[in-house]
Amino acid sequence: MAAMHPVDRYTRTAIALHWTIAALILFNLWLGFAHDALPRDWRVMPVHKAVGMLVLALSLVRLGWRLAHRVPDPAPGAPRWTHAAATAAHWLFYVLLIALPVTGWLMVSGAAVRRPLTFFGLFDIPYLPVGRAANQWGGEAHEIMGFLMAGLLILHVAAALWHHFGRRDATLAHMIPWLRRTT
């Protein structure tokens, strides 16, 4: 049964997980898209992999938290399709937040020459027991989902801004503790 909490805002834990994961995803998308253009001596891919594993762990926590807690009610007067679209987008985020790191893990695990896989140098992350085909398949899926994640993020931010500045409702205030509705 879902825990009771005010329905006008997400819980502090959900908000903290949301913004932490958002920052990590933006950073990792930047690393993923720009790594070939960055100086080789920066060695960004070990950081990209470690951040991806952190995103995976935090996303599993966030998913568990989401399943156990109610979310704020939709904005009054909003068309039903917007609530349905938001719900679908949020569940697609969960899929991508888990599948993106897993496909990266598959890609690294199936590589012909395995490079070190560590969590920021603190401990080794075990490779998945997969064959070489996982490298190719995982790499293709990882790239496609990276672009899908970037597009979904843009859509998510645009929708939040539309709610705040266009509809002038409290939707954005659900996730930003100090923000008030604009009406």
Protein backbone atom coordinates (compact mmCIF):
# COMPACT_ATOMS: atom_id res chain seq x y z
CA MET A 1 0.00 0.00 0.00
CA ALA A 2 1.32 3.44 -0.87
CA ALA A 3 2.43 5.58 2.05
CA MET A 4 0.35 8.69 2.64
CA HIS A 5 1.90 12.11 2.12
CA PRO A 6 0.68 15.47 0.88
CA VAL A 7 -0.39 15.20 -2.72
CA ASP A 8 0.63 18.75 -3.62
CA ARG A 9 4.32 17.91 -3.74
CA TYR A 10 6.69 14.96 -4.09
CA THR A 11 8.42 13.73 -0.94
CA ARG A 12 11.81 15.19 -0.04
CA THR A 13 13.42 11.86 -0.88
CA ALA A 14 11.79 11.77 -4.32
CA ILE A 15 12.86 15.37 -4.96
CA ALA A 16 16.45 14.68 -3.89
CA LEU A 17 16.62 11.55 -6.05
CA HIS A 18 15.06 13.38 -9.02
CA TRP A 19 17.54 16.27 -9.02
CA THR A 20 20.55 14.09 -8.23
CA ILE A 21 19.73 11.66 -11.04
CA ALA A 22 18.92 14.57 -13.39
CA ALA A 23 22.33 16.16 -12.78
CA LEU A 24 24.11 12.82 -13.25
CA ILE A 25 22.21 12.09 -16.46
CA LEU A 26 22.96 15.52 -17.95
CA PHE A 27 26.64 15.10 -17.08
CA ASN A 28 26.75 11.56 -18.48
CA LEU A 29 24.94 12.52 -21.68
CA TRP A 30 27.49 15.26 -22.17
CA LEU A 31 30.36 12.83 -21.57
CA GLY A 32 28.79 10.23 -23.85
CA PHE A 33 28.14 12.62 -26.73
CA ALA A 34 31.36 14.63 -26.38
CA HIS A 35 33.93 12.01 -25.36
CA ASP A 36 35.49 11.73 -28.82
CA ALA A 37 36.00 15.52 -28.94
CA LEU A 38 37.52 15.75 -25.47
CA PRO A 39 41.27 15.41 -24.89
CA ARG A 40 42.31 11.74 -24.62
CA ASP A 41 44.30 12.39 -21.45
CA TRP A 42 41.06 13.30 -19.65
CA ARG A 43 40.09 9.62 -19.64
CA VAL A 44 36.39 10.35 -19.39
CA MET A 45 35.01 6.89 -20.14
CA PRO A 46 35.86 5.40 -16.72
CA VAL A 47 33.98 8.32 -15.17
CA HIS A 48 31.10 7.85 -17.65
CA LYS A 49 30.85 4.17 -16.68
CA ALA A 50 30.98 4.86 -12.94
CA VAL A 51 28.35 7.60 -13.19
CA GLY A 52 26.19 5.21 -15.22
CA MET A 53 26.39 2.60 -12.47
CA LEU A 54 25.52 5.25 -9.89
CA VAL A 55 22.52 6.27 -12.01
CA LEU A 56 21.45 2.61 -12.17
CA ALA A 57 21.63 2.20 -8.38
CA LEU A 58 19.87 5.48 -7.64
CA SER A 59 17.21 4.79 -10.27
CA LEU A 60 16.38 1.45 -8.69
CA VAL A 61 16.01 3.25 -5.36
CA ARG A 62 13.88 5.92 -7.03
CA LEU A 63 11.67 3.30 -8.69
CA GLY A 64 11.15 1.53 -5.37
CA TRP A 65 10.35 4.84 -3.72
CA ARG A 66 7.89 5.72 -6.49
CA LEU A 67 6.08 2.41 -6.19
CA ALA A 68 5.67 2.92 -2.44
CA HIS A 69 4.55 6.57 -2.46
CA ARG A 70 1.75 8.54 -4.05
CA VAL A 71 2.51 11.23 -6.59
CA PRO A 72 0.92 14.68 -6.63
CA ASP A 73 -2.47 15.00 -8.22
CA PRO A 74 -2.55 16.40 -11.76
CA ALA A 75 -3.12 20.12 -12.14
CA PRO A 76 -6.82 20.98 -11.95
CA GLY A 77 -8.32 21.68 -15.33
CA ALA A 78 -5.49 20.09 -17.29
CA PRO A 79 -6.64 17.99 -20.25
CA ARG A 80 -6.65 14.25 -19.51
CA TRP A 81 -4.25 13.58 -22.37
CA THR A 82 -1.57 15.69 -20.68
CA HIS A 83 -1.75 13.55 -17.55
CA ALA A 84 -1.63 10.37 -19.65
CA ALA A 85 1.34 11.71 -21.63
CA ALA A 86 3.15 12.72 -18.43
CA THR A 87 2.56 9.30 -16.88
CA ALA A 88 3.86 7.55 -20.01
CA ALA A 89 6.91 9.83 -20.13
CA HIS A 90 7.72 9.20 -16.48
CA TRP A 91 7.56 5.41 -16.92
CA LEU A 92 9.69 5.69 -20.07
CA PHE A 93 12.23 7.60 -17.96
CA TYR A 94 12.35 4.69 -15.51
CA VAL A 95 12.88 2.23 -18.37
CA LEU A 96 15.69 4.34 -19.83
CA LEU A 97 17.29 5.08 -16.43
CA ILE A 98 17.68 1.34 -15.92
CA ALA A 99 18.18 0.12 -19.50
CA LEU A 100 20.83 2.71 -20.47
CA PRO A 101 23.32 1.69 -17.76
CA VAL A 102 22.54 -2.01 -18.30
CA THR A 103 23.25 -1.77 -22.05
CA GLY A 104 26.48 0.08 -21.29
CA TRP A 105 27.38 -2.68 -18.82
CA LEU A 106 26.59 -5.28 -21.51
CA MET A 107 28.78 -3.42 -24.00
CA VAL A 108 31.74 -3.30 -21.61
CA SER A 109 31.23 -6.89 -20.46
CA GLY A 110 31.15 -8.24 -24.02
CA ALA A 111 34.17 -6.30 -25.30
CA ALA A 112 36.94 -8.29 -26.97
CA VAL A 113 39.43 -6.39 -24.80
CA ARG A 114 37.93 -5.61 -21.44
CA ARG A 115 38.96 -2.34 -19.89
CA PRO A 116 38.80 -1.83 -16.13
CA LEU A 117 35.31 -1.32 -14.79
CA THR A 118 35.43 0.36 -11.41
CA PHE A 119 33.22 2.54 -9.28
CA PHE A 120 35.32 5.72 -9.31
CA GLY A 121 38.38 3.57 -8.55
CA LEU A 122 36.94 2.53 -5.18
CA PHE A 123 36.04 -1.05 -6.12
CA ASP A 124 35.73 -3.25 -9.19
CA ILE A 125 32.34 -3.77 -10.79
CA PRO A 126 31.95 -7.36 -11.99
CA TYR A 127 31.45 -7.96 -15.69
CA LEU A 128 28.19 -9.53 -16.77
CA PRO A 129 28.48 -13.15 -17.98
CA VAL A 130 27.80 -12.41 -21.65
CA GLY A 131 29.41 -13.23 -24.98
CA ARG A 132 31.03 -10.93 -27.50
CA ALA A 133 27.71 -10.27 -29.28
CA ALA A 134 26.61 -8.29 -26.23
CA ASN A 135 29.24 -5.69 -27.07
CA GLN A 136 27.75 -4.95 -30.48
CA TRP A 137 24.11 -5.23 -29.42
CA GLY A 138 24.67 -3.34 -26.17
CA GLY A 139 26.57 -0.58 -27.94
CA GLU A 140 23.86 -0.02 -30.54
CA ALA A 141 21.08 -0.06 -27.96
CA HIS A 142 23.06 2.21 -25.64
CA GLU A 143 23.56 4.81 -28.37
CA ILE A 144 19.93 4.78 -29.51
CA MET A 145 18.66 5.03 -25.94
CA GLY A 146 21.10 7.86 -25.24
CA PHE A 147 19.51 9.91 -28.02
CA LEU A 148 16.05 8.89 -26.82
CA MET A 149 16.95 10.01 -23.29
CA ALA A 150 18.20 13.37 -24.57
CA GLY A 151 14.97 13.90 -26.54
CA LEU A 152 12.80 12.87 -23.60
CA LEU A 153 14.69 15.24 -21.31
CA ILE A 154 14.08 18.14 -23.69
CA LEU A 155 10.39 17.24 -23.87
CA HIS A 156 10.21 16.90 -20.06
CA VAL A 157 11.78 20.31 -19.44
CA ALA A 158 9.59 21.93 -22.12
CA ALA A 159 6.45 20.43 -20.56
CA ALA A 160 7.45 21.59 -17.07
CA LEU A 161 8.08 25.11 -18.36
CA TRP A 162 4.80 25.07 -20.30
CA HIS A 163 2.94 24.14 -17.12
CA HIS A 164 4.68 26.89 -15.15
CA PHE A 165 4.67 29.76 -17.64
CA GLY A 166 1.92 28.75 -20.08
CA ARG A 167 -0.74 27.11 -17.93
CA ARG A 168 0.50 28.89 -14.78
CA ASP A 169 -0.28 25.88 -12.59
CA ALA A 170 1.63 24.28 -9.72
CA THR A 171 3.03 21.30 -11.62
CA LEU A 172 6.64 22.53 -11.54
CA ALA A 173 6.29 23.43 -7.86
CA HIS A 174 5.69 19.72 -7.13
CA MET A 175 9.38 19.09 -7.75
CA ILE A 176 10.99 22.42 -6.77
CA PRO A 177 10.44 22.95 -3.03
CA TRP A 178 10.89 26.74 -2.98
CA LEU A 179 8.80 27.45 -6.08
CA ARG A 180 5.22 28.61 -5.86
CA ARG A 181 2.55 28.40 -8.48
CA THR A 182 2.53 31.44 -10.77
CA THR A 183 -1.19 32.24 -10.36
